[in-house]
């Protein structure tokens, strides 16, 4: 996979390359298992680590936290910034094969949006292949949200 070669050329640590390979295997085979921490997938764990390494996202997000927006149902959010009111959700391949799961996510998004959160959904497959784009998008969202909270246009 090109992403793995790119990591090697960039001098990524062996641990980071192994983690990326596990994500690639999980994404390609659909044989996902929970990561050894609170992550629900290896893609989620990999993204968590990259967010902590990235200067503009380090310390910004809580990982897999429960939120009760406006006393509605309780939702677990993959990555949440309460201060910036940003929610990031990582959706796996099988995520969209179940209509009820899809509907539940739309309800979740709506509840979060009504509570003032911006919701950014991404595919687990993109965590490796589109990581730079994901980080750039998050940088842009964080900057826009900070401007908005400071009373300036987003």
N, C-alpha and C. Protein backbone atom coordinates (compact mmCIF):
# COMPACT_ATOMS: atom_id res chain seq x y z
N UNK A 1 0.85 -1.18 0.00
CA UNK A 1 0.00 0.00 0.00
C UNK A 1 0.89 1.23 0.00
N UNK A 2 0.51 2.20 -0.81
CA UNK A 2 1.32 3.41 -0.98
C UNK A 2 1.53 4.14 0.34
N UNK A 3 0.52 4.19 1.18
CA UNK A 3 0.64 4.90 2.45
C UNK A 3 1.75 4.30 3.31
N UNK A 4 1.86 2.98 3.33
CA UNK A 4 2.90 2.34 4.13
C UNK A 4 4.28 2.67 3.58
N UNK A 5 4.43 2.67 2.27
CA UNK A 5 5.72 3.05 1.67
C UNK A 5 6.04 4.51 1.97
N UNK A 6 5.03 5.34 1.93
CA UNK A 6 5.22 6.76 2.22
C UNK A 6 5.69 6.96 3.67
N UNK A 7 5.10 6.22 4.60
CA UNK A 7 5.52 6.30 6.00
C UNK A 7 6.98 5.90 6.16
N UNK A 8 7.36 4.84 5.46
CA UNK A 8 8.74 4.37 5.55
C UNK A 8 9.70 5.43 4.99
N UNK A 9 9.35 6.00 3.85
CA UNK A 9 10.21 7.05 3.26
C UNK A 9 10.30 8.27 4.17
N UNK A 10 9.23 8.55 4.89
CA UNK A 10 9.20 9.72 5.77
C UNK A 10 9.93 9.48 7.08
N UNK A 11 10.40 8.23 7.29
CA UNK A 11 11.14 7.93 8.51
C UNK A 11 10.26 7.66 9.72
N UNK A 12 9.02 7.23 9.48
CA UNK A 12 8.13 6.91 10.59
C UNK A 12 8.71 5.77 11.41
N UNK A 13 8.41 5.77 12.69
CA UNK A 13 8.92 4.73 13.58
C UNK A 13 8.34 3.37 13.18
N UNK A 14 9.02 2.32 13.61
CA UNK A 14 8.52 0.97 13.31
C UNK A 14 7.14 0.77 13.94
N UNK A 15 6.95 1.27 15.15
CA UNK A 15 5.65 1.12 15.82
C UNK A 15 4.54 1.80 15.00
N UNK A 16 4.84 2.96 14.45
CA UNK A 16 3.83 3.66 13.65
C UNK A 16 3.55 2.89 12.36
N UNK A 17 4.58 2.33 11.74
CA UNK A 17 4.38 1.56 10.50
C UNK A 17 3.60 0.28 10.78
N UNK A 18 3.88 -0.39 11.90
CA UNK A 18 3.14 -1.60 12.27
C UNK A 18 1.68 -1.26 12.52
N UNK A 19 1.44 -0.18 13.23
CA UNK A 19 0.07 0.25 13.50
C UNK A 19 -0.67 0.54 12.20
N UNK A 20 0.00 1.21 11.26
CA UNK A 20 -0.61 1.50 9.96
C UNK A 20 -0.90 0.23 9.19
N UNK A 21 0.00 -0.74 9.26
CA UNK A 21 -0.21 -2.02 8.57
C UNK A 21 -1.41 -2.74 9.15
N UNK A 22 -1.58 -2.69 10.47
CA UNK A 22 -2.74 -3.32 11.11
C UNK A 22 -4.04 -2.65 10.66
N UNK A 23 -4.01 -1.34 10.55
CA UNK A 23 -5.19 -0.61 10.07
C UNK A 23 -5.50 -1.03 8.64
N UNK A 24 -4.47 -1.09 7.80
CA UNK A 24 -4.66 -1.48 6.40
C UNK A 24 -5.26 -2.88 6.31
N UNK A 25 -4.76 -3.80 7.10
CA UNK A 25 -5.29 -5.17 7.09
C UNK A 25 -6.75 -5.19 7.53
N UNK A 26 -7.05 -4.46 8.58
CA UNK A 26 -8.43 -4.40 9.08
C UNK A 26 -9.36 -3.82 8.02
N UNK A 27 -8.92 -2.75 7.38
CA UNK A 27 -9.75 -2.08 6.38
C UNK A 27 -9.94 -2.96 5.15
N UNK A 28 -8.87 -3.60 4.70
CA UNK A 28 -8.94 -4.41 3.48
C UNK A 28 -9.72 -5.70 3.67
N UNK A 29 -9.63 -6.29 4.85
CA UNK A 29 -10.29 -7.58 5.07
C UNK A 29 -11.62 -7.46 5.78
N UNK A 30 -11.85 -6.33 6.43
CA UNK A 30 -13.07 -6.18 7.21
C UNK A 30 -13.02 -6.98 8.50
N UNK A 31 -11.87 -7.55 8.80
CA UNK A 31 -11.70 -8.38 10.00
C UNK A 31 -11.21 -7.52 11.14
N UNK A 32 -12.05 -6.62 11.57
CA UNK A 32 -11.65 -5.71 12.64
C UNK A 32 -11.90 -6.28 14.01
N UNK A 33 -11.05 -5.90 14.92
CA UNK A 33 -11.26 -6.23 16.32
C UNK A 33 -10.95 -4.98 17.10
N UNK A 34 -11.47 -4.89 18.29
CA UNK A 34 -11.22 -3.72 19.10
C UNK A 34 -9.74 -3.58 19.38
N UNK A 35 -9.30 -2.35 19.42
CA UNK A 35 -7.92 -2.08 19.80
C UNK A 35 -7.80 -2.33 21.30
N UNK A 36 -6.58 -2.51 21.81
CA UNK A 36 -6.42 -2.85 23.22
C UNK A 36 -6.79 -1.72 24.18
N UNK A 37 -7.07 -0.53 23.68
CA UNK A 37 -7.46 0.58 24.54
C UNK A 37 -8.97 0.81 24.38
N UNK A 38 -9.42 2.04 24.51
CA UNK A 38 -10.85 2.34 24.41
C UNK A 38 -11.33 2.47 22.97
N UNK A 39 -10.45 2.33 22.02
CA UNK A 39 -10.82 2.45 20.61
C UNK A 39 -11.67 1.27 20.18
N UNK A 40 -12.59 1.54 19.27
CA UNK A 40 -13.44 0.45 18.76
C UNK A 40 -12.86 -0.19 17.52
N UNK A 41 -11.77 0.37 17.00
CA UNK A 41 -11.12 -0.22 15.83
C UNK A 41 -9.66 0.24 15.80
N UNK A 42 -8.88 -0.47 15.02
CA UNK A 42 -7.48 -0.08 14.87
C UNK A 42 -7.37 1.25 14.12
N UNK A 43 -8.28 1.50 13.19
CA UNK A 43 -8.27 2.78 12.47
C UNK A 43 -8.49 3.93 13.44
N UNK A 44 -9.40 3.75 14.36
CA UNK A 44 -9.68 4.78 15.36
C UNK A 44 -8.47 5.00 16.27
N UNK A 45 -7.84 3.91 16.70
CA UNK A 45 -6.64 4.01 17.55
C UNK A 45 -5.51 4.71 16.80
N UNK A 46 -5.35 4.37 15.53
CA UNK A 46 -4.31 4.99 14.72
C UNK A 46 -4.56 6.49 14.58
N UNK A 47 -5.80 6.87 14.31
CA UNK A 47 -6.12 8.29 14.19
C UNK A 47 -5.89 9.00 15.52
N UNK A 48 -6.27 8.39 16.62
CA UNK A 48 -6.05 8.99 17.93
C UNK A 48 -4.57 9.32 18.12
N UNK A 49 -3.71 8.37 17.78
CA UNK A 49 -2.27 8.59 17.93
C UNK A 49 -1.78 9.71 17.02
N UNK A 50 -2.28 9.75 15.79
CA UNK A 50 -1.85 10.80 14.87
C UNK A 50 -2.35 12.17 15.33
N UNK A 51 -3.56 12.22 15.89
CA UNK A 51 -4.08 13.50 16.40
C UNK A 51 -3.22 14.01 17.54
N UNK A 52 -2.74 13.13 18.38
CA UNK A 52 -1.89 13.53 19.50
C UNK A 52 -0.50 13.96 19.04
N UNK A 53 -0.05 13.44 17.92
CA UNK A 53 1.27 13.81 17.38
C UNK A 53 1.22 15.11 16.58
N UNK A 54 0.07 15.43 16.04
CA UNK A 54 -0.09 16.60 15.17
C UNK A 54 -0.23 17.85 16.04
N UNK A 55 0.59 18.85 15.78
CA UNK A 55 0.67 20.03 16.64
C UNK A 55 -0.68 20.72 16.88
N UNK A 56 -1.47 20.89 15.85
CA UNK A 56 -2.71 21.66 16.00
C UNK A 56 -3.87 20.86 16.59
N UNK A 57 -3.73 19.53 16.65
CA UNK A 57 -4.82 18.72 17.21
C UNK A 57 -4.44 18.06 18.54
N UNK A 58 -3.17 18.14 18.92
CA UNK A 58 -2.72 17.51 20.17
C UNK A 58 -3.46 18.12 21.35
N UNK A 59 -4.09 17.26 22.15
CA UNK A 59 -4.79 17.71 23.34
C UNK A 59 -6.14 18.35 23.09
N UNK A 60 -6.58 18.39 21.85
CA UNK A 60 -7.85 19.06 21.52
C UNK A 60 -9.04 18.13 21.74
N UNK A 61 -8.89 16.84 21.42
CA UNK A 61 -10.02 15.92 21.43
C UNK A 61 -9.95 14.90 22.56
N UNK A 62 -11.12 14.64 23.15
CA UNK A 62 -11.28 13.49 24.04
C UNK A 62 -11.65 12.31 23.15
N UNK A 63 -11.29 11.13 23.57
CA UNK A 63 -11.51 9.94 22.75
C UNK A 63 -12.60 9.06 23.35
N UNK A 64 -13.58 8.70 22.54
CA UNK A 64 -14.70 7.86 22.94
C UNK A 64 -15.33 8.30 24.25
N UNK A 65 -16.03 9.41 24.17
CA UNK A 65 -16.69 9.96 25.35
C UNK A 65 -18.20 9.99 25.13
N UNK A 66 -18.92 9.94 26.23
CA UNK A 66 -20.38 10.02 26.20
C UNK A 66 -20.80 11.47 26.31
N UNK A 67 -21.82 11.81 25.57
CA UNK A 67 -22.35 13.17 25.57
C UNK A 67 -23.87 13.08 25.56
N UNK A 68 -24.50 13.90 26.38
CA UNK A 68 -25.97 13.98 26.41
C UNK A 68 -26.37 15.38 25.96
N UNK A 69 -26.45 15.61 24.65
CA UNK A 69 -26.79 16.96 24.19
C UNK A 69 -28.24 17.30 24.51
N UNK A 70 -28.42 18.44 25.16
CA UNK A 70 -29.75 18.98 25.45
C UNK A 70 -30.69 17.93 26.04
N UNK A 71 -30.17 17.14 26.95
CA UNK A 71 -30.97 16.11 27.64
C UNK A 71 -31.64 15.13 26.69
N UNK A 72 -31.06 14.95 25.52
CA UNK A 72 -31.55 13.94 24.59
C UNK A 72 -30.84 12.64 24.93
N UNK A 73 -30.97 11.64 24.07
CA UNK A 73 -30.32 10.36 24.32
C UNK A 73 -28.81 10.54 24.44
N UNK A 74 -28.18 9.64 25.14
CA UNK A 74 -26.74 9.68 25.32
C UNK A 74 -26.06 9.10 24.09
N UNK A 75 -25.05 9.82 23.60
CA UNK A 75 -24.30 9.37 22.42
C UNK A 75 -22.84 9.18 22.79
N UNK A 76 -22.22 8.16 22.23
CA UNK A 76 -20.77 8.03 22.35
C UNK A 76 -20.16 8.62 21.08
N UNK A 77 -19.22 9.52 21.28
CA UNK A 77 -18.58 10.22 20.16
C UNK A 77 -17.13 9.76 20.09
N UNK A 78 -16.67 9.43 18.88
CA UNK A 78 -15.30 8.92 18.71
C UNK A 78 -14.26 9.93 19.19
N UNK A 79 -14.34 11.16 18.70
CA UNK A 79 -13.42 12.22 19.10
C UNK A 79 -14.24 13.49 19.31
N UNK A 80 -14.10 14.09 20.50
CA UNK A 80 -14.94 15.22 20.85
C UNK A 80 -14.11 16.34 21.47
N UNK A 81 -14.37 17.56 21.00
CA UNK A 81 -13.82 18.75 21.64
C UNK A 81 -15.01 19.52 22.19
N UNK A 82 -15.19 19.46 23.50
CA UNK A 82 -16.30 20.18 24.12
C UNK A 82 -16.08 21.69 24.00
N UNK A 83 -14.84 22.12 24.18
CA UNK A 83 -14.52 23.55 24.13
C UNK A 83 -14.83 24.14 22.75
N UNK A 84 -14.41 23.44 21.69
CA UNK A 84 -14.62 23.94 20.33
C UNK A 84 -15.93 23.44 19.72
N UNK A 85 -16.60 22.55 20.42
CA UNK A 85 -17.86 21.97 19.95
C UNK A 85 -17.68 21.33 18.57
N UNK A 86 -16.67 20.45 18.51
CA UNK A 86 -16.38 19.66 17.31
C UNK A 86 -16.50 18.18 17.65
N UNK A 87 -17.11 17.42 16.75
CA UNK A 87 -17.22 15.97 16.91
C UNK A 87 -16.68 15.31 15.64
N UNK A 88 -15.85 14.29 15.83
CA UNK A 88 -15.28 13.55 14.71
C UNK A 88 -15.70 12.09 14.86
N UNK A 89 -16.27 11.53 13.81
CA UNK A 89 -16.73 10.15 13.81
C UNK A 89 -16.01 9.37 12.72
N UNK A 90 -15.51 8.18 13.08
CA UNK A 90 -14.83 7.29 12.14
C UNK A 90 -15.78 6.15 11.81
N UNK A 91 -16.16 6.05 10.54
CA UNK A 91 -17.12 5.03 10.10
C UNK A 91 -16.41 3.93 9.33
N UNK A 92 -16.62 2.69 9.74
CA UNK A 92 -16.02 1.54 9.07
C UNK A 92 -16.78 1.12 7.83
N UNK A 93 -16.19 0.19 7.09
CA UNK A 93 -16.76 -0.29 5.83
C UNK A 93 -18.17 -0.86 6.02
N UNK A 94 -18.36 -1.66 7.03
CA UNK A 94 -19.65 -2.31 7.24
C UNK A 94 -20.69 -1.37 7.83
N UNK A 95 -20.24 -0.19 8.17
CA UNK A 95 -21.09 0.79 8.82
C UNK A 95 -22.33 1.13 8.00
N UNK A 96 -22.18 1.20 6.69
CA UNK A 96 -23.27 1.65 5.84
C UNK A 96 -24.09 0.51 5.26
N UNK A 97 -23.79 -0.71 5.62
CA UNK A 97 -24.54 -1.85 5.11
C UNK A 97 -25.80 -2.12 5.94
N UNK A 98 -25.90 -1.50 7.08
CA UNK A 98 -27.05 -1.70 7.96
C UNK A 98 -27.89 -0.41 7.97
N UNK A 99 -29.08 -0.44 7.38
CA UNK A 99 -29.90 0.77 7.31
C UNK A 99 -30.20 1.38 8.68
N UNK A 100 -30.41 0.54 9.69
CA UNK A 100 -30.72 1.08 11.02
C UNK A 100 -29.52 1.81 11.61
N UNK A 101 -28.33 1.29 11.39
CA UNK A 101 -27.12 1.96 11.87
C UNK A 101 -26.96 3.32 11.17
N UNK A 102 -27.25 3.34 9.88
CA UNK A 102 -27.18 4.59 9.12
C UNK A 102 -28.18 5.61 9.69
N UNK A 103 -29.41 5.16 9.95
CA UNK A 103 -30.44 6.06 10.52
C UNK A 103 -30.01 6.57 11.89
N UNK A 104 -29.47 5.69 12.71
CA UNK A 104 -29.03 6.07 14.05
C UNK A 104 -27.96 7.16 13.97
N UNK A 105 -27.05 7.02 13.02
CA UNK A 105 -26.01 8.04 12.86
C UNK A 105 -26.58 9.38 12.42
N UNK A 106 -27.60 9.37 11.58
CA UNK A 106 -28.24 10.62 11.18
C UNK A 106 -28.89 11.28 12.39
N UNK A 107 -29.54 10.49 13.25
CA UNK A 107 -30.15 11.04 14.48
C UNK A 107 -29.06 11.62 15.39
N UNK A 108 -27.97 10.89 15.51
CA UNK A 108 -26.85 11.35 16.33
C UNK A 108 -26.32 12.68 15.80
N UNK A 109 -26.08 12.75 14.49
CA UNK A 109 -25.58 13.99 13.88
C UNK A 109 -26.53 15.14 14.16
N UNK A 110 -27.82 14.91 13.99
CA UNK A 110 -28.81 15.96 14.19
C UNK A 110 -28.82 16.43 15.65
N UNK A 111 -28.80 15.49 16.59
CA UNK A 111 -28.75 15.86 18.01
C UNK A 111 -27.51 16.69 18.33
N UNK A 112 -26.38 16.27 17.80
CA UNK A 112 -25.14 17.01 18.04
C UNK A 112 -25.19 18.40 17.41
N UNK A 113 -25.72 18.48 16.19
CA UNK A 113 -25.82 19.78 15.52
C UNK A 113 -26.77 20.71 16.26
N UNK A 114 -27.88 20.18 16.75
CA UNK A 114 -28.82 20.99 17.53
C UNK A 114 -28.17 21.53 18.80
N UNK A 115 -27.20 20.78 19.32
CA UNK A 115 -26.49 21.20 20.53
C UNK A 115 -25.30 22.11 20.19
N UNK A 116 -25.16 22.47 18.92
CA UNK A 116 -24.12 23.41 18.52
C UNK A 116 -22.80 22.79 18.09
N UNK A 117 -22.77 21.49 17.90
CA UNK A 117 -21.53 20.82 17.48
C UNK A 117 -21.46 20.76 15.96
N UNK A 118 -20.25 20.91 15.44
CA UNK A 118 -19.97 20.60 14.05
C UNK A 118 -19.54 19.15 14.02
N UNK A 119 -20.10 18.37 13.11
CA UNK A 119 -19.80 16.94 13.02
C UNK A 119 -19.03 16.67 11.73
N UNK A 120 -17.87 16.03 11.90
CA UNK A 120 -17.03 15.65 10.75
C UNK A 120 -16.94 14.13 10.73
N UNK A 121 -17.52 13.52 9.70
CA UNK A 121 -17.49 12.06 9.54
C UNK A 121 -16.46 11.69 8.49
N UNK A 122 -15.72 10.63 8.76
CA UNK A 122 -14.75 10.15 7.80
C UNK A 122 -14.77 8.64 7.78
N UNK A 123 -14.31 8.08 6.69
CA UNK A 123 -14.27 6.62 6.54
C UNK A 123 -12.99 6.07 7.15
N UNK A 124 -13.11 4.92 7.77
CA UNK A 124 -11.93 4.26 8.35
C UNK A 124 -10.86 4.03 7.29
N UNK A 125 -11.28 3.74 6.07
CA UNK A 125 -10.30 3.51 5.00
C UNK A 125 -9.48 4.76 4.71
N UNK A 126 -10.05 5.92 4.96
CA UNK A 126 -9.34 7.18 4.69
C UNK A 126 -8.33 7.54 5.76
N UNK A 127 -8.41 6.91 6.92
CA UNK A 127 -7.47 7.23 8.00
C UNK A 127 -6.03 7.02 7.54
N UNK A 128 -5.80 6.04 6.71
CA UNK A 128 -4.46 5.83 6.16
C UNK A 128 -4.26 6.59 4.86
N UNK A 129 -5.15 6.37 3.91
CA UNK A 129 -4.92 6.89 2.56
C UNK A 129 -5.11 8.40 2.45
N UNK A 130 -5.86 8.99 3.36
CA UNK A 130 -6.16 10.42 3.29
C UNK A 130 -5.78 11.16 4.57
N UNK A 131 -4.81 10.63 5.32
CA UNK A 131 -4.48 11.21 6.62
C UNK A 131 -4.13 12.69 6.54
N UNK A 132 -3.31 13.07 5.58
CA UNK A 132 -2.92 14.48 5.46
C UNK A 132 -4.14 15.36 5.21
N UNK A 133 -5.05 14.88 4.38
CA UNK A 133 -6.28 15.63 4.10
C UNK A 133 -7.14 15.74 5.37
N UNK A 134 -7.25 14.65 6.11
CA UNK A 134 -8.03 14.66 7.36
C UNK A 134 -7.44 15.68 8.33
N UNK A 135 -6.13 15.64 8.52
CA UNK A 135 -5.48 16.58 9.45
C UNK A 135 -5.66 18.02 8.97
N UNK A 136 -5.53 18.25 7.67
CA UNK A 136 -5.73 19.60 7.13
C UNK A 136 -7.17 20.07 7.36
N UNK A 137 -8.12 19.18 7.12
CA UNK A 137 -9.53 19.53 7.35
C UNK A 137 -9.77 19.87 8.81
N UNK A 138 -9.21 19.06 9.71
CA UNK A 138 -9.37 19.35 11.14
C UNK A 138 -8.71 20.67 11.52
N UNK A 139 -7.53 20.94 10.97
CA UNK A 139 -6.87 22.23 11.22
C UNK A 139 -7.78 23.38 10.81
N UNK A 140 -8.41 23.24 9.64
CA UNK A 140 -9.30 24.27 9.11
C UNK A 140 -10.54 24.43 10.00
N UNK A 141 -11.13 23.31 10.41
CA UNK A 141 -12.31 23.37 11.28
C UNK A 141 -11.98 23.99 12.63
N UNK A 142 -10.84 23.61 13.20
CA UNK A 142 -10.42 24.16 14.49
C UNK A 142 -10.22 25.67 14.39
N UNK A 143 -9.53 26.11 13.35
CA UNK A 143 -9.30 27.55 13.16
C UNK A 143 -10.61 28.30 12.97
N UNK A 144 -11.52 27.74 12.17
CA UNK A 144 -12.81 28.39 11.93
C UNK A 144 -13.63 28.47 13.21
N UNK A 145 -13.61 27.40 13.97
CA UNK A 145 -14.38 27.37 15.22
C UNK A 145 -13.81 28.38 16.22
N UNK A 146 -12.49 28.48 16.29
CA UNK A 146 -11.87 29.45 17.20
C UNK A 146 -12.25 30.87 16.80
N UNK A 147 -12.25 31.15 15.49
CA UNK A 147 -12.66 32.48 15.02
C UNK A 147 -14.12 32.74 15.40
N UNK A 148 -14.96 31.75 15.19
CA UNK A 148 -16.38 31.91 15.49
C UNK A 148 -16.60 32.15 16.98
N UNK A 149 -15.93 31.39 17.82
CA UNK A 149 -16.09 31.55 19.27
C UNK A 149 -15.53 32.88 19.76
N UNK A 150 -14.59 33.44 19.01
CA UNK A 150 -14.03 34.75 19.36
C UNK A 150 -14.91 35.89 18.84
N UNK A 151 -16.02 35.55 18.17
CA UNK A 151 -16.94 36.57 17.69
C UNK A 151 -16.66 37.06 16.29
N UNK A 152 -15.77 36.36 15.58
CA UNK A 152 -15.48 36.72 14.19
C UNK A 152 -16.15 35.70 13.29
N UNK A 153 -16.24 36.02 12.01
CA UNK A 153 -16.83 35.08 11.04
C UNK A 153 -15.99 33.81 10.96
N UNK A 154 -16.65 32.64 10.82
CA UNK A 154 -15.89 31.39 10.67
C UNK A 154 -15.18 31.37 9.36
